[in-house]
Amino acid sequence: MDVKMIVSGIEIAVERKKIKHTHLAVYPPDARVHVSAPEDLPERDVRSYVASKIAWIRKQREAILSQARQTPREYVSGESIYCLGSRYLLSVIEEDRYATEKILWGGGKLILYVHGGSTKTRKAGIVESWQKSLLEECLAKKTGIWCRKLGMETPVIELRKMKTRWASCLAGKGKVIFNVALARVPTKCIEYVLVHELTHFTEKNHSPAFVKLMDERLPRWRELRSELNSFIAAPMEGY
């Protein structure tokens, strides 16, 4: 459970972990500040660490809060729907004669065929299932490529709705769980998340050794991380 503290008027969420070094992050979309700290590090030292980074924190918060964010979808014609980084203009066609609800897409357009009187929840479910299927296909392809390149066994891939992470590595179970929200972001950002998690099979924490492996495997990973965290369709925290 996170513990809250206030430093220079900014609320900080502090999470204790079995780690050696303190990690600081500012997450979109609401510029929440989170610190992961060693379990035995005194609170005064955590507070001192945060205070030393306050200028950086303010800069990151200002940048995040100034970014445009995608508003909640109503699933009506004219809205924008994102999938694998591409923007589609939604057209909703509601007619009882459509026996099969379906989606057609291409050329920047997304046509959703549904029964007359379908609820927003129903339309959202159809669109999300379509996004999820494309994400599954993307992950399956890229996971195969990277596991062959790294000479490792292909892990079990699972998709879930997650509130605080883009993905989670369960190395002991040979599994990686990905957030279904990744379906909205560019494939190169999905690849970054994948490589990040596969690297955790070798290095559990974000240690210097982990960073070295990321530099070797995906030299542009910092740039991709930045793009992921600033992508307009991403309602999630940073990574």
C-alpha atoms as a PDB file:
ATOM      1  CA  MET A   1       0.000   0.000   0.000  1.00  0.00           C
ATOM      2  CA  ASP A   2       1.265   3.468  -0.920  1.00  0.00           C
ATOM      3  CA  VAL A   3       1.888   5.997   1.856  1.00  0.00           C
ATOM      4  CA  LYS A   4       1.237   9.661   1.087  1.00  0.00           C
ATOM      5  CA  MET A   5       3.558  12.521   1.964  1.00  0.00           C
ATOM      6  CA  ILE A   6       3.560  16.197   0.984  1.00  0.00           C
ATOM      7  CA  VAL A   7       6.783  17.787  -0.240  1.00  0.00           C
ATOM      8  CA  SER A   8       6.812  21.432  -1.356  1.00  0.00           C
ATOM      9  CA  GLY A   9       3.043  21.330  -1.685  1.00  0.00           C
ATOM     10  CA  ILE A  10       3.034  18.251  -3.946  1.00  0.00           C
ATOM     11  CA  GLU A  11       1.470  14.969  -2.864  1.00  0.00           C
ATOM     12  CA  ILE A  12       3.857  12.040  -3.217  1.00  0.00           C
ATOM     13  CA  ALA A  13       2.831   8.368  -3.173  1.00  0.00           C
ATOM     14  CA  VAL A  14       5.573   6.263  -1.567  1.00  0.00           C
ATOM     15  CA  GLU A  15       5.697   2.508  -2.146  1.00  0.00           C
ATOM     16  CA  ARG A  16       8.103   0.295  -0.217  1.00  0.00           C
ATOM     17  CA  LYS A  17       9.796  -2.485  -2.170  1.00  0.00           C
ATOM     18  CA  LYS A  18      12.625  -4.970  -1.868  1.00  0.00           C
ATOM     19  CA  ILE A  19      14.982  -2.832  -3.947  1.00  0.00           C
ATOM     20  CA  LYS A  20      18.377  -1.218  -3.416  1.00  0.00           C
ATOM     21  CA  HIS A  21      17.760   2.168  -5.002  1.00  0.00           C
ATOM     22  CA  THR A  22      14.968   4.750  -4.911  1.00  0.00           C
ATOM     23  CA  HIS A  23      12.996   5.337  -8.119  1.00  0.00           C
ATOM     24  CA  LEU A  24      10.940   8.427  -8.916  1.00  0.00           C
ATOM     25  CA  ALA A  25       8.254   8.795 -11.596  1.00  0.00           C
ATOM     26  CA  VAL A  26       5.576  11.284 -12.647  1.00  0.00           C
ATOM     27  CA  TYR A  27       2.660   9.625 -14.412  1.00  0.00           C
ATOM     28  CA  PRO A  28       0.121  10.892 -16.934  1.00  0.00           C
ATOM     29  CA  PRO A  29      -2.674  11.719 -17.302  1.00  0.00           C
ATOM     30  CA  ASP A  30      -2.936  13.537 -13.943  1.00  0.00           C
ATOM     31  CA  ALA A  31       0.803  14.031 -13.181  1.00  0.00           C
ATOM     32  CA  ARG A  32       0.699  11.760 -10.137  1.00  0.00           C
ATOM     33  CA  VAL A  33       4.092  11.489  -8.415  1.00  0.00           C
ATOM     34  CA  HIS A  34       5.198   8.038  -7.275  1.00  0.00           C
ATOM     35  CA  VAL A  35       8.334   6.947  -5.425  1.00  0.00           C
ATOM     36  CA  SER A  36       9.510   3.364  -5.019  1.00  0.00           C
ATOM     37  CA  ALA A  37      11.842   3.208  -2.018  1.00  0.00           C
ATOM     38  CA  PRO A  38      13.834   0.448  -0.255  1.00  0.00           C
ATOM     39  CA  GLU A  39      11.959  -1.071   2.655  1.00  0.00           C
ATOM     40  CA  ASP A  40      14.588  -0.022   5.199  1.00  0.00           C
ATOM     41  CA  LEU A  41      15.115   3.551   3.996  1.00  0.00           C
ATOM     42  CA  PRO A  42      14.032   6.058   6.695  1.00  0.00           C
ATOM     43  CA  GLU A  43      11.150   8.356   5.826  1.00  0.00           C
ATOM     44  CA  ARG A  44      13.325  11.444   6.338  1.00  0.00           C
ATOM     45  CA  ASP A  45      15.720  10.146   3.671  1.00  0.00           C
ATOM     46  CA  VAL A  46      12.848   9.518   1.252  1.00  0.00           C
ATOM     47  CA  ARG A  47      11.599  13.045   1.872  1.00  0.00           C
ATOM     48  CA  SER A  48      15.101  14.455   1.374  1.00  0.00           C
ATOM     49  CA  TYR A  49      15.475  12.544  -1.885  1.00  0.00           C
ATOM     50  CA  VAL A  50      12.163  13.879  -3.215  1.00  0.00           C
ATOM     51  CA  ALA A  51      13.034  17.424  -2.143  1.00  0.00           C
ATOM     52  CA  SER A  52      16.282  17.219  -4.105  1.00  0.00           C
ATOM     53  CA  LYS A  53      14.286  16.344  -7.231  1.00  0.00           C
ATOM     54  CA  ILE A  54      11.505  18.893  -6.792  1.00  0.00           C
ATOM     55  CA  ALA A  55      12.548  21.072  -9.749  1.00  0.00           C
ATOM     56  CA  TRP A  56      12.502  18.028 -12.035  1.00  0.00           C
ATOM     57  CA  ILE A  57       9.143  16.929 -10.620  1.00  0.00           C
ATOM     58  CA  ARG A  58       7.578  20.345 -11.296  1.00  0.00           C
ATOM     59  CA  LYS A  59       8.905  20.334 -14.867  1.00  0.00           C
ATOM     60  CA  GLN A  60       7.502  16.867 -15.546  1.00  0.00           C
ATOM     61  CA  ARG A  61       4.124  17.724 -14.015  1.00  0.00           C
ATOM     62  CA  GLU A  62       3.862  20.896 -16.088  1.00  0.00           C
ATOM     63  CA  ALA A  63       4.644  18.993 -19.296  1.00  0.00           C
ATOM     64  CA  ILE A  64       2.109  16.250 -18.560  1.00  0.00           C
ATOM     65  CA  LEU A  65      -0.705  18.559 -17.499  1.00  0.00           C
ATOM     66  CA  SER A  66      -0.260  20.666 -20.636  1.00  0.00           C
ATOM     67  CA  GLN A  67      -0.783  17.679 -22.932  1.00  0.00           C
ATOM     68  CA  ALA A  68      -4.112  17.081 -24.637  1.00  0.00           C
ATOM     69  CA  ARG A  69      -5.838  13.870 -23.558  1.00  0.00           C
ATOM     70  CA  GLN A  70      -8.449  11.826 -25.312  1.00  0.00           C
ATOM     71  CA  THR A  71     -11.838  12.327 -23.677  1.00  0.00           C
ATOM     72  CA  PRO A  72     -14.020   9.313 -22.755  1.00  0.00           C
ATOM     73  CA  ARG A  73     -15.692   7.760 -25.800  1.00  0.00           C
ATOM     74  CA  GLU A  74     -19.456   7.775 -26.279  1.00  0.00           C
ATOM     75  CA  TYR A  75     -19.231   5.476 -29.338  1.00  0.00           C
ATOM     76  CA  VAL A  76     -21.177   7.709 -31.670  1.00  0.00           C
ATOM     77  CA  SER A  77     -20.405   8.692 -35.251  1.00  0.00           C
ATOM     78  CA  GLY A  78     -17.697  11.325 -35.599  1.00  0.00           C
ATOM     79  CA  GLU A  79     -15.540  10.250 -32.677  1.00  0.00           C
ATOM     80  CA  SER A  80     -11.917   9.208 -32.996  1.00  0.00           C
ATOM     81  CA  ILE A  81     -10.913   5.662 -32.135  1.00  0.00           C
ATOM     82  CA  TYR A  82      -7.255   4.701 -31.825  1.00  0.00           C
ATOM     83  CA  CYS A  83      -5.829   1.271 -32.567  1.00  0.00           C
ATOM     84  CA  LEU A  84      -2.133   0.371 -32.811  1.00  0.00           C
ATOM     85  CA  GLY A  85      -1.326   4.071 -33.003  1.00  0.00           C
ATOM     86  CA  SER A  86      -3.630   4.838 -35.928  1.00  0.00           C
ATOM     87  CA  ARG A  87      -6.576   7.203 -35.640  1.00  0.00           C
ATOM     88  CA  TYR A  88      -9.908   6.088 -37.105  1.00  0.00           C
ATOM     89  CA  LEU A  89     -13.021   8.191 -37.620  1.00  0.00           C
ATOM     90  CA  LEU A  90     -15.946   6.215 -36.218  1.00  0.00           C
ATOM     91  CA  SER A  91     -19.224   5.701 -38.094  1.00  0.00           C
ATOM     92  CA  VAL A  92     -21.950   3.843 -36.225  1.00  0.00           C
ATOM     93  CA  ILE A  93     -24.666   2.163 -38.279  1.00  0.00           C
ATOM     94  CA  GLU A  94     -27.617   0.908 -36.230  1.00  0.00           C
ATOM     95  CA  GLU A  95     -30.116  -1.245 -38.075  1.00  0.00           C
ATOM     96  CA  ASP A  96     -32.021  -4.342 -36.996  1.00  0.00           C
ATOM     97  CA  ARG A  97     -31.315  -6.034 -40.314  1.00  0.00           C
ATOM     98  CA  TYR A  98     -27.671  -6.591 -39.353  1.00  0.00           C
ATOM     99  CA  ALA A  99     -27.744 -10.156 -38.063  1.00  0.00           C
ATOM    100  CA  THR A 100     -24.035 -10.034 -37.231  1.00  0.00           C
ATOM    101  CA  GLU A 101     -22.539  -7.090 -35.419  1.00  0.00           C
ATOM    102  CA  LYS A 102     -19.192  -6.319 -36.952  1.00  0.00           C
ATOM    103  CA  ILE A 103     -16.462  -3.800 -37.654  1.00  0.00           C
ATOM    104  CA  LEU A 104     -14.987  -2.786 -41.000  1.00  0.00           C
ATOM    105  CA  TRP A 105     -11.957  -0.529 -41.120  1.00  0.00           C
ATOM    106  CA  GLY A 106      -9.497   1.038 -43.508  1.00  0.00           C
ATOM    107  CA  GLY A 107      -8.490   4.365 -44.967  1.00  0.00           C
ATOM    108  CA  GLY A 108      -8.732   6.056 -41.596  1.00  0.00           C
ATOM    109  CA  LYS A 109     -12.356   5.010 -41.140  1.00  0.00           C
ATOM    110  CA  LEU A 110     -13.944   2.580 -38.689  1.00  0.00           C
ATOM    111  CA  ILE A 111     -17.494   1.426 -39.420  1.00  0.00           C
ATOM    112  CA  LEU A 112     -19.354  -0.225 -36.559  1.00  0.00           C
ATOM    113  CA  TYR A 113     -22.474  -2.202 -37.483  1.00  0.00           C
ATOM    114  CA  VAL A 114     -24.776  -2.870 -34.537  1.00  0.00           C
ATOM    115  CA  HIS A 115     -28.398  -3.692 -33.840  1.00  0.00           C
ATOM    116  CA  GLY A 116     -30.741  -0.751 -33.417  1.00  0.00           C
ATOM    117  CA  GLY A 117     -30.880   0.609 -29.878  1.00  0.00           C
ATOM    118  CA  SER A 118     -27.527  -0.864 -28.856  1.00  0.00           C
ATOM    119  CA  THR A 119     -26.169   0.650 -25.655  1.00  0.00           C
ATOM    120  CA  LYS A 120     -22.863   2.470 -25.308  1.00  0.00           C
ATOM    121  CA  THR A 121     -21.620  -0.482 -23.279  1.00  0.00           C
ATOM    122  CA  ARG A 122     -22.476  -2.882 -26.083  1.00  0.00           C
ATOM    123  CA  LYS A 123     -20.782  -0.748 -28.742  1.00  0.00           C
ATOM    124  CA  ALA A 124     -17.745  -0.254 -26.533  1.00  0.00           C
ATOM    125  CA  GLY A 125     -17.480  -4.012 -26.040  1.00  0.00           C
ATOM    126  CA  ILE A 126     -17.427  -4.664 -29.785  1.00  0.00           C
ATOM    127  CA  VAL A 127     -14.770  -2.010 -30.421  1.00  0.00           C
ATOM    128  CA  GLU A 128     -12.631  -3.167 -27.504  1.00  0.00           C
ATOM    129  CA  SER A 129     -12.824  -6.794 -28.668  1.00  0.00           C
ATOM    130  CA  TRP A 130     -11.606  -5.681 -32.095  1.00  0.00           C
ATOM    131  CA  GLN A 131      -8.752  -3.698 -30.564  1.00  0.00           C
ATOM    132  CA  LYS A 132      -7.839  -6.623 -28.313  1.00  0.00           C
ATOM    133  CA  SER A 133      -7.698  -9.087 -31.223  1.00  0.00           C
ATOM    134  CA  LEU A 134      -5.281  -6.844 -33.129  1.00  0.00           C
ATOM    135  CA  LEU A 135      -3.144  -6.401 -30.022  1.00  0.00           C
ATOM    136  CA  GLU A 136      -3.017 -10.181 -29.526  1.00  0.00           C
ATOM    137  CA  GLU A 137      -1.908 -10.624 -33.135  1.00  0.00           C
ATOM    138  CA  CYS A 138       0.760  -7.923 -32.788  1.00  0.00           C
ATOM    139  CA  LEU A 139       2.120  -9.366 -29.531  1.00  0.00           C
ATOM    140  CA  ALA A 140       2.179 -12.929 -30.845  1.00  0.00           C
ATOM    141  CA  LYS A 141       4.221 -11.884 -33.871  1.00  0.00           C
ATOM    142  CA  LYS A 142       6.680  -9.653 -32.016  1.00  0.00           C
ATOM    143  CA  THR A 143       7.090 -12.057 -29.089  1.00  0.00           C
ATOM    144  CA  GLY A 144       8.050 -14.841 -31.490  1.00  0.00           C
ATOM    145  CA  ILE A 145      10.600 -12.623 -33.218  1.00  0.00           C
ATOM    146  CA  TRP A 146      12.201 -11.396 -29.994  1.00  0.00           C
ATOM    147  CA  CYS A 147      12.295 -14.762 -28.251  1.00  0.00           C
ATOM    148  CA  ARG A 148      14.088 -16.283 -31.222  1.00  0.00           C
ATOM    149  CA  LYS A 149      16.497 -13.351 -31.260  1.00  0.00           C
ATOM    150  CA  LEU A 150      17.183 -13.658 -27.514  1.00  0.00           C
ATOM    151  CA  GLY A 151      17.290 -17.443 -27.514  1.00  0.00           C
ATOM    152  CA  MET A 152      14.611 -17.803 -24.860  1.00  0.00           C
ATOM    153  CA  GLU A 153      11.430 -19.795 -24.428  1.00  0.00           C
ATOM    154  CA  THR A 154       8.273 -18.042 -25.568  1.00  0.00           C
ATOM    155  CA  PRO A 155       6.324 -16.961 -22.475  1.00  0.00           C
ATOM    156  CA  VAL A 156       2.596 -17.263 -22.023  1.00  0.00           C
ATOM    157  CA  ILE A 157       0.963 -13.986 -23.056  1.00  0.00           C
ATOM    158  CA  GLU A 158      -2.117 -12.763 -21.195  1.00  0.00           C
ATOM    159  CA  LEU A 159      -4.150  -9.592 -21.649  1.00  0.00           C
ATOM    160  CA  ARG A 160      -5.942  -7.832 -18.808  1.00  0.00           C
ATOM    161  CA  LYS A 161      -7.345  -4.455 -17.889  1.00  0.00           C
ATOM    162  CA  MET A 162      -4.789  -2.962 -15.513  1.00  0.00           C
ATOM    163  CA  LYS A 163      -4.945   0.325 -13.610  1.00  0.00           C
ATOM    164  CA  THR A 164      -1.325   0.963 -12.754  1.00  0.00           C
ATOM    165  CA  ARG A 165       0.908  -0.839 -15.250  1.00  0.00           C
ATOM    166  CA  TRP A 166       1.402  -1.350 -18.940  1.00  0.00           C
ATOM    167  CA  ALA A 167       2.599  -4.880 -18.293  1.00  0.00           C
ATOM    168  CA  SER A 168       3.853  -7.258 -15.618  1.00  0.00           C
ATOM    169  CA  CYS A 169       6.452 -10.016 -15.842  1.00  0.00           C
ATOM    170  CA  LEU A 170       5.894 -13.263 -13.928  1.00  0.00           C
ATOM    171  CA  ALA A 171       9.204 -14.881 -14.797  1.00  0.00           C
ATOM    172  CA  GLY A 172       8.724 -17.757 -12.359  1.00  0.00           C
ATOM    173  CA  LYS A 173       5.540 -18.759 -14.174  1.00  0.00           C
ATOM    174  CA  GLY A 174       6.889 -18.053 -17.644  1.00  0.00           C
ATOM    175  CA  LYS A 175       4.167 -15.467 -18.214  1.00  0.00           C
ATOM    176  CA  VAL A 176       3.845 -11.823 -19.212  1.00  0.00           C
ATOM    177  CA  ILE A 177       0.609  -9.916 -18.601  1.00  0.00           C
ATOM    178  CA  PHE A 178      -0.090  -6.941 -20.863  1.00  0.00           C
ATOM    179  CA  ASN A 179      -2.598  -4.174 -20.353  1.00  0.00           C
ATOM    180  CA  VAL A 180      -5.320  -4.211 -23.019  1.00  0.00           C
ATOM    181  CA  ALA A 181      -4.959  -0.402 -23.191  1.00  0.00           C
ATOM    182  CA  LEU A 182      -1.788  -1.018 -25.208  1.00  0.00           C
ATOM    183  CA  ALA A 183      -4.100  -1.735 -28.149  1.00  0.00           C
ATOM    184  CA  ARG A 184      -4.349   2.032 -28.652  1.00  0.00           C
ATOM    185  CA  VAL A 185      -0.647   2.846 -28.901  1.00  0.00           C
ATOM    186  CA  PRO A 186       1.828   2.540 -31.817  1.00  0.00           C
ATOM    187  CA  THR A 187       3.281  -0.906 -32.468  1.00  0.00           C
ATOM    188  CA  LYS A 188       6.819   0.368 -31.839  1.00  0.00           C
ATOM    189  CA  CYS A 189       5.726   1.354 -28.321  1.00  0.00           C
ATOM    190  CA  ILE A 190       4.153  -2.078 -27.807  1.00  0.00           C
ATOM    191  CA  GLU A 191       7.475  -3.577 -28.876  1.00  0.00           C
ATOM    192  CA  TYR A 192       9.279  -1.449 -26.287  1.00  0.00           C
ATOM    193  CA  VAL A 193       6.984  -2.731 -23.520  1.00  0.00           C
ATOM    194  CA  LEU A 194       7.517  -6.304 -24.732  1.00  0.00           C
ATOM    195  CA  VAL A 195      11.322  -6.016 -24.741  1.00  0.00           C
ATOM    196  CA  HIS A 196      11.177  -4.336 -21.326  1.00  0.00           C
ATOM    197  CA  GLU A 197       9.266  -7.295 -19.894  1.00  0.00           C
ATOM    198  CA  LEU A 198      11.372  -9.949 -21.628  1.00  0.00           C
ATOM    199  CA  THR A 199      14.459  -8.296 -20.145  1.00  0.00           C
ATOM    200  CA  HIS A 200      12.959  -8.807 -16.694  1.00  0.00           C
ATOM    201  CA  PHE A 201      13.356 -12.553 -17.251  1.00  0.00           C
ATOM    202  CA  THR A 202      17.091 -11.859 -16.951  1.00  0.00           C
ATOM    203  CA  GLU A 203      17.133  -8.864 -14.586  1.00  0.00           C
ATOM    204  CA  LYS A 204      14.311  -8.613 -12.049  1.00  0.00           C
ATOM    205  CA  ASN A 205      14.818  -4.951 -11.130  1.00  0.00           C
ATOM    206  CA  HIS A 206      15.664  -1.803 -13.064  1.00  0.00           C
ATOM    207  CA  SER A 207      19.305  -2.185 -12.185  1.00  0.00           C
ATOM    208  CA  PRO A 208      22.291  -0.868 -14.179  1.00  0.00           C
ATOM    209  CA  ALA A 209      22.517  -4.364 -15.688  1.00  0.00           C
ATOM    210  CA  PHE A 210      18.883  -4.078 -16.807  1.00  0.00           C
ATOM    211  CA  VAL A 211      19.548  -0.696 -18.420  1.00  0.00           C
ATOM    212  CA  LYS A 212      22.649  -2.089 -20.164  1.00  0.00           C
ATOM    213  CA  LEU A 213      20.614  -4.945 -21.646  1.00  0.00           C
ATOM    214  CA  MET A 214      17.908  -2.545 -22.812  1.00  0.00           C
ATOM    215  CA  ASP A 215      20.546  -0.361 -24.458  1.00  0.00           C
ATOM    216  CA  GLU A 216      21.906  -3.404 -26.290  1.00  0.00           C
ATOM    217  CA  ARG A 217      18.550  -4.828 -27.293  1.00  0.00           C
ATOM    218  CA  LEU A 218      16.617  -1.684 -28.139  1.00  0.00           C
ATOM    219  CA  PRO A 219      18.908   1.381 -28.367  1.00  0.00           C
ATOM    220  CA  ARG A 220      15.941   3.739 -28.910  1.00  0.00           C
ATOM    221  CA  TRP A 221      14.035   2.517 -25.859  1.00  0.00           C
ATOM    222  CA  ARG A 222      14.135   5.844 -24.024  1.00  0.00           C
ATOM    223  CA  GLU A 223      12.656   7.631 -27.022  1.00  0.00           C
ATOM    224  CA  LEU A 224       9.965   4.960 -27.324  1.00  0.00           C
ATOM    225  CA  ARG A 225       9.190   5.194 -23.610  1.00  0.00           C
ATOM    226  CA  SER A 226       8.695   8.935 -23.970  1.00  0.00           C
ATOM    227  CA  GLU A 227       6.377   8.452 -26.945  1.00  0.00           C
ATOM    228  CA  LEU A 228       4.388   5.820 -25.064  1.00  0.00           C
ATOM    229  CA  ASN A 229       3.948   8.057 -22.040  1.00  0.00           C
ATOM    230  CA  SER A 230       2.831  11.045 -24.097  1.00  0.00           C
ATOM    231  CA  PHE A 231       0.588   9.303 -26.630  1.00  0.00           C
ATOM    232  CA  ILE A 232      -2.797  11.034 -26.689  1.00  0.00           C
ATOM    233  CA  ALA A 233      -4.767   7.795 -26.664  1.00  0.00           C
ATOM    234  CA  ALA A 234      -3.042   6.451 -23.571  1.00  0.00           C
ATOM    235  CA  PRO A 235      -5.119   6.775 -20.374  1.00  0.00           C
ATOM    236  CA  MET A 236      -2.519   4.885 -18.387  1.00  0.00           C
ATOM    237  CA  GLU A 237       0.394   5.719 -16.148  1.00  0.00           C
ATOM    238  CA  GLY A 238       3.861   6.010 -17.525  1.00  0.00           C
ATOM    239  CA  TYR A 239       6.238   3.079 -17.801  1.00  0.00           C
END
